[in-house]
PDB file of N, CA and C in Angstrom:
ATOM      1  N   MET A   1    -109.847 194.137 130.419  1.00  0.00           N
ATOM      2  CA  MET A   1    -109.262 194.727 129.236  1.00  0.00           C
ATOM      3  C   MET A   1    -110.279 194.649 128.092  1.00  0.00           C
ATOM      4  N   ARG A   2    -110.404 195.737 127.344  1.00  0.00           N
ATOM      5  CA  ARG A   2    -111.336 195.769 126.227  1.00  0.00           C
ATOM      6  C   ARG A   2    -110.818 194.932 125.066  1.00  0.00           C
ATOM      7  N   ILE A   3    -111.737 194.355 124.319  1.00  0.00           N
ATOM      8  CA  ILE A   3    -111.366 193.494 123.191  1.00  0.00           C
ATOM      9  C   ILE A   3    -110.601 194.284 122.131  1.00  0.00           C
ATOM     10  N   GLN A   4    -110.959 195.543 121.936  1.00  0.00           N
ATOM     11  CA  GLN A   4    -110.284 196.365 120.926  1.00  0.00           C
ATOM     12  C   GLN A   4    -108.839 196.667 121.294  1.00  0.00           C
ATOM     13  N   ASP A   5    -108.501 196.585 122.570  1.00  0.00           N
ATOM     14  CA  ASP A   5    -107.148 196.914 123.015  1.00  0.00           C
ATOM     15  C   ASP A   5    -106.206 195.715 123.022  1.00  0.00           C
ATOM     16  N   VAL A   6    -106.718 194.510 122.820  1.00  0.00           N
ATOM     17  CA  VAL A   6    -105.883 193.317 122.908  1.00  0.00           C
ATOM     18  C   VAL A   6    -104.981 193.195 121.685  1.00  0.00           C
ATOM     19  N   ILE A   7    -105.556 193.257 120.482  1.00  0.00           N
ATOM     20  CA  ILE A   7    -104.773 193.130 119.252  1.00  0.00           C
ATOM     21  C   ILE A   7    -104.271 194.505 118.846  1.00  0.00           C
ATOM     22  N   ILE A   8    -102.954 194.644 118.762  1.00  0.00           N
ATOM     23  CA  ILE A   8    -102.368 195.922 118.373  1.00  0.00           C
ATOM     24  C   ILE A   8    -102.264 196.010 116.859  1.00  0.00           C
ATOM     25  N   ARG A   9    -101.663 194.987 116.236  1.00  0.00           N
ATOM     26  CA  ARG A   9    -101.559 194.962 114.779  1.00  0.00           C
ATOM     27  C   ARG A   9    -101.145 193.569 114.332  1.00  0.00           C
ATOM     28  N   PRO A  10    -101.441 193.217 113.078  1.00  0.00           N
ATOM     29  CA  PRO A  10    -100.944 191.936 112.564  1.00  0.00           C
ATOM     30  C   PRO A  10     -99.459 192.039 112.246  1.00  0.00           C
ATOM     31  N   LEU A  11     -98.761 190.921 112.339  1.00  0.00           N
ATOM     32  CA  LEU A  11     -97.340 190.877 111.992  1.00  0.00           C
ATOM     33  C   LEU A  11     -97.207 190.314 110.582  1.00  0.00           C
ATOM     34  N   ILE A  12     -96.716 191.135 109.683  1.00  0.00           N
ATOM     35  CA  ILE A  12     -96.523 190.724 108.298  1.00  0.00           C
ATOM     36  C   ILE A  12     -95.024 190.571 108.074  1.00  0.00           C
ATOM     37  N   THR A  13     -94.537 189.361 108.244  1.00  0.00           N
ATOM     38  CA  THR A  13     -93.132 189.056 108.028  1.00  0.00           C
ATOM     39  C   THR A  13     -93.042 187.853 107.102  1.00  0.00           C
ATOM     40  N   GLU A  14     -91.836 187.529 106.714  1.00  0.00           N
ATOM     41  CA  GLU A  14     -91.643 186.364 105.856  1.00  0.00           C
ATOM     42  C   GLU A  14     -92.082 185.082 106.569  1.00  0.00           C
ATOM     43  N   LYS A  15     -91.707 184.963 107.829  1.00  0.00           N
ATOM     44  CA  LYS A  15     -92.070 183.778 108.599  1.00  0.00           C
ATOM     45  C   LYS A  15     -93.584 183.678 108.782  1.00  0.00           C
ATOM     46  N   SER A  16     -94.227 184.788 109.124  1.00  0.00           N
ATOM     47  CA  SER A  16     -95.671 184.737 109.354  1.00  0.00           C
ATOM     48  C   SER A  16     -96.445 184.477 108.072  1.00  0.00           C
ATOM     49  N   THR A  17     -95.939 184.930 106.941  1.00  0.00           N
ATOM     50  CA  THR A  17     -96.591 184.668 105.666  1.00  0.00           C
ATOM     51  C   THR A  17     -96.521 183.187 105.322  1.00  0.00           C
ATOM     52  N   VAL A  18     -95.383 182.570 105.549  1.00  0.00           N
ATOM     53  CA  VAL A  18     -95.240 181.134 105.281  1.00  0.00           C
ATOM     54  C   VAL A  18     -96.140 180.340 106.223  1.00  0.00           C
ATOM     55  N   GLN A  19     -96.189 180.717 107.489  1.00  0.00           N
ATOM     56  CA  GLN A  19     -97.053 180.022 108.438  1.00  0.00           C
ATOM     57  C   GLN A  19     -98.522 180.168 108.066  1.00  0.00           C
ATOM     58  N   ARG A  20     -98.905 181.338 107.574  1.00  0.00           N
ATOM     59  CA  ARG A  20    -100.300 181.544 107.190  1.00  0.00           C
ATOM     60  C   ARG A  20    -100.672 180.667 106.001  1.00  0.00           C
ATOM     61  N   GLU A  21     -99.767 180.535 105.048  1.00  0.00           N
ATOM     62  CA  GLU A  21    -100.061 179.758 103.849  1.00  0.00           C
ATOM     63  C   GLU A  21    -100.027 178.252 104.104  1.00  0.00           C
ATOM     64  N   LEU A  22     -99.064 177.782 104.898  1.00  0.00           N
ATOM     65  CA  LEU A  22     -98.871 176.344 105.059  1.00  0.00           C
ATOM     66  C   LEU A  22     -99.579 175.756 106.274  1.00  0.00           C
ATOM     67  N   GLN A  23     -99.617 176.494 107.380  1.00  0.00           N
ATOM     68  CA  GLN A  23    -100.098 175.919 108.634  1.00  0.00           C
ATOM     69  C   GLN A  23    -101.369 176.569 109.165  1.00  0.00           C
ATOM     70  N   ASN A  24    -101.919 177.558 108.445  1.00  0.00           N
ATOM     71  CA  ASN A  24    -103.155 178.216 108.867  1.00  0.00           C
ATOM     72  C   ASN A  24    -102.960 178.980 110.184  1.00  0.00           C
ATOM     73  N   ILE A  25    -101.770 179.607 110.344  1.00  0.00           N
ATOM     74  CA  ILE A  25    -101.431 180.361 111.553  1.00  0.00           C
ATOM     75  C   ILE A  25    -101.244 181.825 111.183  1.00  0.00           C
ATOM     76  N   VAL A  26    -101.866 182.719 111.977  1.00  0.00           N
ATOM     77  CA  VAL A  26    -101.747 184.156 111.770  1.00  0.00           C
ATOM     78  C   VAL A  26    -101.049 184.739 112.990  1.00  0.00           C
ATOM     79  N   ALA A  27    -100.121 185.679 112.778  1.00  0.00           N
ATOM     80  CA  ALA A  27     -99.364 186.271 113.881  1.00  0.00           C
ATOM     81  C   ALA A  27     -99.848 187.700 114.136  1.00  0.00           C
ATOM     82  N   PHE A  28     -99.953 188.059 115.415  1.00  0.00           N
ATOM     83  CA  PHE A  28    -100.378 189.393 115.826  1.00  0.00           C
ATOM     84  C   PHE A  28     -99.441 189.920 116.896  1.00  0.00           C
ATOM     85  N   ARG A  29     -99.267 191.251 116.915  1.00  0.00           N
ATOM     86  CA  ARG A  29     -98.652 191.902 118.068  1.00  0.00           C
ATOM     87  C   ARG A  29     -99.799 192.224 119.008  1.00  0.00           C
ATOM     88  N   VAL A  30     -99.688 191.772 120.254  1.00  0.00           N
ATOM     89  CA  VAL A  30    -100.789 191.921 121.205  1.00  0.00           C
ATOM     90  C   VAL A  30    -100.313 192.678 122.439  1.00  0.00           C
ATOM     91  N   ASP A  31    -101.267 193.117 123.234  1.00  0.00           N
ATOM     92  CA  ASP A  31    -100.957 193.805 124.475  1.00  0.00           C
ATOM     93  C   ASP A  31    -100.173 192.872 125.394  1.00  0.00           C
ATOM     94  N   ALA A  32     -99.190 193.401 126.084  1.00  0.00           N
ATOM     95  CA  ALA A  32     -98.313 192.577 126.918  1.00  0.00           C
ATOM     96  C   ALA A  32     -99.045 191.967 128.105  1.00  0.00           C
ATOM     97  N   ARG A  33    -100.189 192.525 128.491  1.00  0.00           N
ATOM     98  CA  ARG A  33    -100.940 192.002 129.634  1.00  0.00           C
ATOM     99  C   ARG A  33    -101.990 190.981 129.229  1.00  0.00           C
ATOM    100  N   ALA A  34    -102.194 190.769 127.927  1.00  0.00           N
ATOM    101  CA  ALA A  34    -103.254 189.871 127.449  1.00  0.00           C
ATOM    102  C   ALA A  34    -102.849 188.414 127.623  1.00  0.00           C
ATOM    103  N   ASN A  35    -103.825 187.569 127.960  1.00  0.00           N
ATOM    104  CA  ASN A  35    -103.564 186.145 128.063  1.00  0.00           C
ATOM    105  C   ASN A  35    -104.184 185.426 126.863  1.00  0.00           C
ATOM    106  N   LYS A  36    -104.012 184.105 126.803  1.00  0.00           N
ATOM    107  CA  LYS A  36    -104.461 183.337 125.646  1.00  0.00           C
ATOM    108  C   LYS A  36    -105.971 183.391 125.455  1.00  0.00           C
ATOM    109  N   ILE A  37    -106.714 183.365 126.536  1.00  0.00           N
ATOM    110  CA  ILE A  37    -108.172 183.391 126.449  1.00  0.00           C
ATOM    111  C   ILE A  37    -108.642 184.726 125.886  1.00  0.00           C
ATOM    112  N   GLU A  38    -108.056 185.823 126.354  1.00  0.00           N
ATOM    113  CA  GLU A  38    -108.427 187.148 125.847  1.00  0.00           C
ATOM    114  C   GLU A  38    -108.047 187.307 124.383  1.00  0.00           C
ATOM    115  N   ILE A  39    -106.910 186.761 123.978  1.00  0.00           N
ATOM    116  CA  ILE A  39    -106.476 186.852 122.588  1.00  0.00           C
ATOM    117  C   ILE A  39    -107.426 186.079 121.690  1.00  0.00           C
ATOM    118  N   LYS A  40    -107.803 184.875 122.105  1.00  0.00           N
ATOM    119  CA  LYS A  40    -108.745 184.071 121.313  1.00  0.00           C
ATOM    120  C   LYS A  40    -110.075 184.792 121.162  1.00  0.00           C
ATOM    121  N   ARG A  41    -110.591 185.318 122.249  1.00  0.00           N
ATOM    122  CA  ARG A  41    -111.866 186.035 122.220  1.00  0.00           C
ATOM    123  C   ARG A  41    -111.774 187.276 121.329  1.00  0.00           C
ATOM    124  N   ALA A  42    -110.657 187.989 121.387  1.00  0.00           N
ATOM    125  CA  ALA A  42    -110.495 189.203 120.597  1.00  0.00           C
ATOM    126  C   ALA A  42    -110.428 188.902 119.102  1.00  0.00           C
ATOM    127  N   VAL A  43    -109.705 187.849 118.713  1.00  0.00           N
ATOM    128  CA  VAL A  43    -109.598 187.497 117.295  1.00  0.00           C
ATOM    129  C   VAL A  43    -110.954 187.070 116.756  1.00  0.00           C
ATOM    130  N   GLU A  44    -111.667 186.244 117.496  1.00  0.00           N
ATOM    131  CA  GLU A  44    -112.986 185.796 117.033  1.00  0.00           C
ATOM    132  C   GLU A  44    -113.968 186.957 116.958  1.00  0.00           C
ATOM    133  N   GLU A  45    -113.868 187.913 117.888  1.00  0.00           N
ATOM    134  CA  GLU A  45    -114.774 189.058 117.887  1.00  0.00           C
ATOM    135  C   GLU A  45    -114.420 190.053 116.777  1.00  0.00           C
ATOM    136  N   GLN A  46    -113.134 190.308 116.577  1.00  0.00           N
ATOM    137  CA  GLN A  46    -112.707 191.261 115.548  1.00  0.00           C
ATOM    138  C   GLN A  46    -113.071 190.786 114.149  1.00  0.00           C
ATOM    139  N   PHE A  47    -112.987 189.481 113.912  1.00  0.00           N
ATOM    140  CA  PHE A  47    -113.249 188.930 112.581  1.00  0.00           C
ATOM    141  C   PHE A  47    -114.539 188.107 112.580  1.00  0.00           C
ATOM    142  N   LYS A  48    -115.512 188.560 113.355  1.00  0.00           N
ATOM    143  CA  LYS A  48    -116.788 187.873 113.487  1.00  0.00           C
ATOM    144  C   LYS A  48    -117.534 187.806 112.155  1.00  0.00           C
ATOM    145  N   LYS A  49    -117.460 188.873 111.364  1.00  0.00           N
ATOM    146  CA  LYS A  49    -118.183 188.897 110.081  1.00  0.00           C
ATOM    147  C   LYS A  49    -117.640 187.864 109.103  1.00  0.00           C
ATOM    148  N   ASP A  50    -116.372 187.440 109.286  1.00  0.00           N
ATOM    149  CA  ASP A  50    -115.781 186.422 108.421  1.00  0.00           C
ATOM    150  C   ASP A  50    -115.961 185.017 108.993  1.00  0.00           C
ATOM    151  N   ASN A  51    -116.661 184.922 110.130  1.00  0.00           N
ATOM    152  CA  ASN A  51    -116.952 183.635 110.764  1.00  0.00           C
ATOM    153  C   ASN A  51    -115.670 182.856 111.088  1.00  0.00           C
ATOM    154  N   VAL A  52    -114.734 183.526 111.752  1.00  0.00           N
ATOM    155  CA  VAL A  52    -113.438 182.939 112.089  1.00  0.00           C
ATOM    156  C   VAL A  52    -113.529 182.210 113.426  1.00  0.00           C
ATOM    157  N   LYS A  53    -113.015 180.996 113.468  1.00  0.00           N
ATOM    158  CA  LYS A  53    -112.922 180.220 114.695  1.00  0.00           C
ATOM    159  C   LYS A  53    -111.453 179.940 114.988  1.00  0.00           C
ATOM    160  N   VAL A  54    -111.034 180.157 116.221  1.00  0.00           N
ATOM    161  CA  VAL A  54    -109.647 179.952 116.636  1.00  0.00           C
ATOM    162  C   VAL A  54    -109.502 178.553 117.212  1.00  0.00           C
ATOM    163  N   ALA A  55    -108.514 177.811 116.713  1.00  0.00           N
ATOM    164  CA  ALA A  55    -108.265 176.460 117.202  1.00  0.00           C
ATOM    165  C   ALA A  55    -107.239 176.459 118.337  1.00  0.00           C
ATOM    166  N   ASP A  56    -106.210 177.321 118.244  1.00  0.00           N
ATOM    167  CA  ASP A  56    -105.122 177.286 119.214  1.00  0.00           C
ATOM    168  C   ASP A  56    -104.441 178.648 119.249  1.00  0.00           C
ATOM    169  N   VAL A  57    -103.909 179.025 120.409  1.00  0.00           N
ATOM    170  CA  VAL A  57    -103.164 180.282 120.567  1.00  0.00           C
ATOM    171  C   VAL A  57    -101.859 179.976 121.272  1.00  0.00           C
ATOM    172  N   ARG A  58    -100.761 180.452 120.706  1.00  0.00           N
ATOM    173  CA  ARG A  58     -99.451 180.382 121.355  1.00  0.00           C
ATOM    174  C   ARG A  58     -98.937 181.804 121.507  1.00  0.00           C
ATOM    175  N   VAL A  59     -98.286 182.115 122.605  1.00  0.00           N
ATOM    176  CA  VAL A  59     -97.768 183.461 122.828  1.00  0.00           C
ATOM    177  C   VAL A  59     -96.264 183.406 123.059  1.00  0.00           C
ATOM    178  N   ALA A  60     -95.613 184.502 122.725  1.00  0.00           N
ATOM    179  CA  ALA A  60     -94.170 184.619 122.933  1.00  0.00           C
ATOM    180  C   ALA A  60     -93.852 186.035 123.399  1.00  0.00           C
ATOM    181  N   ARG A  61     -93.007 186.131 124.418  1.00  0.00           N
ATOM    182  CA  ARG A  61     -92.544 187.433 124.897  1.00  0.00           C
ATOM    183  C   ARG A  61     -91.303 187.795 124.099  1.00  0.00           C
ATOM    184  N   VAL A  62     -91.283 188.980 123.533  1.00  0.00           N
ATOM    185  CA  VAL A  62     -90.137 189.455 122.764  1.00  0.00           C
ATOM    186  C   VAL A  62     -89.440 190.519 123.599  1.00  0.00           C
ATOM    187  N   HIS A  63     -88.186 190.281 123.885  1.00  0.00           N
ATOM    188  CA  HIS A  63     -87.419 191.225 124.691  1.00  0.00           C
ATOM    189  C   HIS A  63     -86.893 192.350 123.815  1.00  0.00           C
ATOM    190  N   GLY A  64     -87.004 193.580 124.303  1.00  0.00           N
ATOM    191  CA  GLY A  64     -86.550 194.740 123.557  1.00  0.00           C
ATOM    192  C   GLY A  64     -85.036 194.778 123.433  1.00  0.00           C
ATOM    193  N   LYS A  65     -84.588 195.277 122.301  1.00  0.00           N
ATOM    194  CA  LYS A  65     -83.152 195.326 122.052  1.00  0.00           C
ATOM    195  C   LYS A  65     -82.524 196.533 122.736  1.00  0.00           C
ATOM    196  N   VAL A  66     -81.255 196.386 123.098  1.00  0.00           N
ATOM    197  CA  VAL A  66     -80.484 197.505 123.624  1.00  0.00           C
ATOM    198  C   VAL A  66     -79.910 198.257 122.429  1.00  0.00           C
ATOM    199  N   ARG A  67     -80.164 199.552 122.377  1.00  0.00           N
ATOM    200  CA  ARG A  67     -79.691 200.387 121.271  1.00  0.00           C
ATOM    201  C   ARG A  67     -78.786 201.482 121.805  1.00  0.00           C
ATOM    202  N   ARG A  68     -77.792 201.836 120.993  1.00  0.00           N
ATOM    203  CA  ARG A  68     -76.845 202.884 121.379  1.00  0.00           C
ATOM    204  C   ARG A  68     -76.823 203.972 120.332  1.00  0.00           C
ATOM    205  N   GLN A  69     -76.619 205.188 120.799  1.00  0.00           N
ATOM    206  CA  GLN A  69     -76.375 206.331 119.924  1.00  0.00           C
ATOM    207  C   GLN A  69     -75.144 207.016 120.510  1.00  0.00           C
ATOM    208  N   GLY A  70     -73.983 206.600 120.013  1.00  0.00           N
ATOM    209  CA  GLY A  70     -72.748 207.120 120.569  1.00  0.00           C
ATOM    210  C   GLY A  70     -72.539 206.585 121.976  1.00  0.00           C
ATOM    211  N   ARG A  71     -72.429 207.492 122.930  1.00  0.00           N
ATOM    212  CA  ARG A  71     -72.219 207.052 124.308  1.00  0.00           C
ATOM    213  C   ARG A  71     -73.524 206.867 125.072  1.00  0.00           C
ATOM    214  N   PHE A  72     -74.641 207.184 124.467  1.00  0.00           N
ATOM    215  CA  PHE A  72     -75.936 207.068 125.131  1.00  0.00           C
ATOM    216  C   PHE A  72     -76.540 205.696 124.848  1.00  0.00           C
ATOM    217  N   VAL A  73     -76.987 205.055 125.898  1.00  0.00           N
ATOM    218  CA  VAL A  73     -77.552 203.713 125.784  1.00  0.00           C
ATOM    219  C   VAL A  73     -79.041 203.781 126.088  1.00  0.00           C
ATOM    220  N   GLY A  74     -79.825 203.155 125.225  1.00  0.00           N
ATOM    221  CA  GLY A  74     -81.271 203.088 125.435  1.00  0.00           C
ATOM    222  C   GLY A  74     -81.750 201.670 125.207  1.00  0.00           C
ATOM    223  N   ARG A  75     -83.022 201.461 125.445  1.00  0.00           N
ATOM    224  CA  ARG A  75     -83.570 200.133 125.304  1.00  0.00           C
ATOM    225  C   ARG A  75     -84.971 200.233 124.725  1.00  0.00           C
ATOM    226  N   ARG A  76     -85.264 199.392 123.739  1.00  0.00           N
ATOM    227  CA  ARG A  76     -86.610 199.317 123.202  1.00  0.00           C
ATOM    228  C   ARG A  76     -87.486 198.518 124.162  1.00  0.00           C
ATOM    229  N   PRO A  77     -88.772 198.793 124.171  1.00  0.00           N
ATOM    230  CA  PRO A  77     -89.632 198.092 125.132  1.00  0.00           C
ATOM    231  C   PRO A  77     -89.862 196.629 124.756  1.00  0.00           C
ATOM    232  N   ASP A  78     -90.140 195.812 125.786  1.00  0.00           N
ATOM    233  CA  ASP A  78     -90.536 194.422 125.565  1.00  0.00           C
ATOM    234  C   ASP A  78     -91.957 194.409 125.016  1.00  0.00           C
ATOM    235  N   TRP A  79     -92.294 193.365 124.254  1.00  0.00           N
ATOM    236  CA  TRP A  79     -93.643 193.246 123.724  1.00  0.00           C
ATOM    237  C   TRP A  79     -94.014 191.785 123.588  1.00  0.00           C
ATOM    238  N   LYS A  80     -95.266 191.511 123.259  1.00  0.00           N
ATOM    239  CA  LYS A  80     -95.762 190.148 123.183  1.00  0.00           C
ATOM    240  C   LYS A  80     -96.362 189.911 121.807  1.00  0.00           C
ATOM    241  N   LYS A  81     -96.104 188.711 121.258  1.00  0.00           N
ATOM    242  CA  LYS A  81     -96.749 188.341 120.008  1.00  0.00           C
ATOM    243  C   LYS A  81     -97.501 187.042 120.195  1.00  0.00           C
ATOM    244  N   ALA A  82     -98.546 186.888 119.392  1.00  0.00           N
ATOM    245  CA  ALA A  82     -99.403 185.716 119.487  1.00  0.00           C
ATOM    246  C   ALA A  82     -99.473 185.043 118.131  1.00  0.00           C
ATOM    247  N   TYR A  83     -99.310 183.727 118.147  1.00  0.00           N
ATOM    248  CA  TYR A  83     -99.504 182.910 116.958  1.00  0.00           C
ATOM    249  C   TYR A  83    -100.864 182.235 117.107  1.00  0.00           C
ATOM    250  N   VAL A  84    -101.805 182.590 116.241  1.00  0.00           N
ATOM    251  CA  VAL A  84    -103.177 182.106 116.337  1.00  0.00           C
ATOM    252  C   VAL A  84    -103.416 181.117 115.203  1.00  0.00           C
ATOM    253  N   ARG A  85    -103.693 179.859 115.577  1.00  0.00           N
ATOM    254  CA  ARG A  85    -104.017 178.842 114.570  1.00  0.00           C
ATOM    255  C   ARG A  85    -105.521 178.827 114.397  1.00  0.00           C
ATOM    256  N   LEU A  86    -105.947 179.003 113.159  1.00  0.00           N
ATOM    257  CA  LEU A  86    -107.366 179.061 112.852  1.00  0.00           C
ATOM    258  C   LEU A  86    -107.903 177.674 112.569  1.00  0.00           C
ATOM    259  N   ALA A  87    -109.191 177.503 112.784  1.00  0.00           N
ATOM    260  CA  ALA A  87    -109.836 176.241 112.462  1.00  0.00           C
ATOM    261  C   ALA A  87    -109.827 176.053 110.951  1.00  0.00           C
ATOM    262  N   GLU A  88    -109.980 174.829 110.503  1.00  0.00           N
ATOM    263  CA  GLU A  88    -109.932 174.530 109.071  1.00  0.00           C
ATOM    264  C   GLU A  88    -110.966 175.332 108.299  1.00  0.00           C
ATOM    265  N   GLY A  89    -110.544 175.837 107.144  1.00  0.00           N
ATOM    266  CA  GLY A  89    -111.440 176.589 106.278  1.00  0.00           C
ATOM    267  C   GLY A  89    -111.511 178.068 106.582  1.00  0.00           C
ATOM    268  N   ASN A  90    -110.687 178.585 107.490  1.00  0.00           N
ATOM    269  CA  ASN A  90    -110.741 180.003 107.877  1.00  0.00           C
ATOM    270  C   ASN A  90    -109.488 180.772 107.484  1.00  0.00           C
ATOM    271  N   ILE A  91    -108.844 180.374 106.393  1.00  0.00           N
ATOM    272  CA  ILE A  91    -107.576 181.048 106.062  1.00  0.00           C
ATOM    273  C   ILE A  91    -107.768 182.269 105.174  1.00  0.00           C
ATOM    274  N   GLU A  92    -108.861 182.395 104.485  1.00  0.00           N
ATOM    275  CA  GLU A  92    -109.029 183.473 103.523  1.00  0.00           C
ATOM    276  C   GLU A  92    -109.494 184.784 104.131  1.00  0.00           C
ATOM    277  N   PHE A  93    -109.715 184.866 105.444  1.00  0.00           N
ATOM    278  CA  PHE A  93    -110.255 186.073 106.013  1.00  0.00           C
ATOM    279  C   PHE A  93    -109.251 187.221 106.015  1.00  0.00           C
ATOM    280  N   PHE A  94    -107.970 186.930 105.977  1.00  0.00           N
ATOM    281  CA  PHE A  94    -106.924 187.935 106.163  1.00  0.00           C
ATOM    282  C   PHE A  94    -106.387 188.463 104.839  1.00  0.00           C
ATOM    283  N   GLU A  95    -106.882 188.001 103.721  1.00  0.00           N
ATOM    284  CA  GLU A  95    -106.319 188.353 102.412  1.00  0.00           C
ATOM    285  C   GLU A  95    -106.571 189.803 102.037  1.00  0.00           C
ATOM    286  N   GLY A  96    -107.662 190.410 102.486  1.00  0.00           N
ATOM    287  CA  GLY A  96    -107.993 191.768 102.086  1.00  0.00           C
ATOM    288  C   GLY A  96    -107.277 192.832 102.865  1.00  0.00           C
ATOM    289  N   ALA A  97    -106.554 192.499 103.896  1.00  0.00           N
ATOM    290  CA  ALA A  97    -105.907 193.499 104.747  1.00  0.00           C
ATOM    291  C   ALA A  97    -104.642 194.022 104.136  1.00  0.00           C
TER     292      ALA A  97
END
């Protein structure tokens, strides 16, 4: 898998903002087939110019919700998110995004 295809987008939520400020953790939506090693390599490569080092990666599978439109039932796809803890001193790289 290519490094550019691993990270889909950053997750900007209330929870992820608090984690970024207090615990030095950044959340990303990642490809469902990516593993922790690929995610770590992709984050360090994508933000290489900011000299970012990853300390820890945690992943979570998010199950898609069942949605209805009248009598028609559909389902949103499952996806994966990654919580990436950065090494000390690497929290300011994400401020310009």
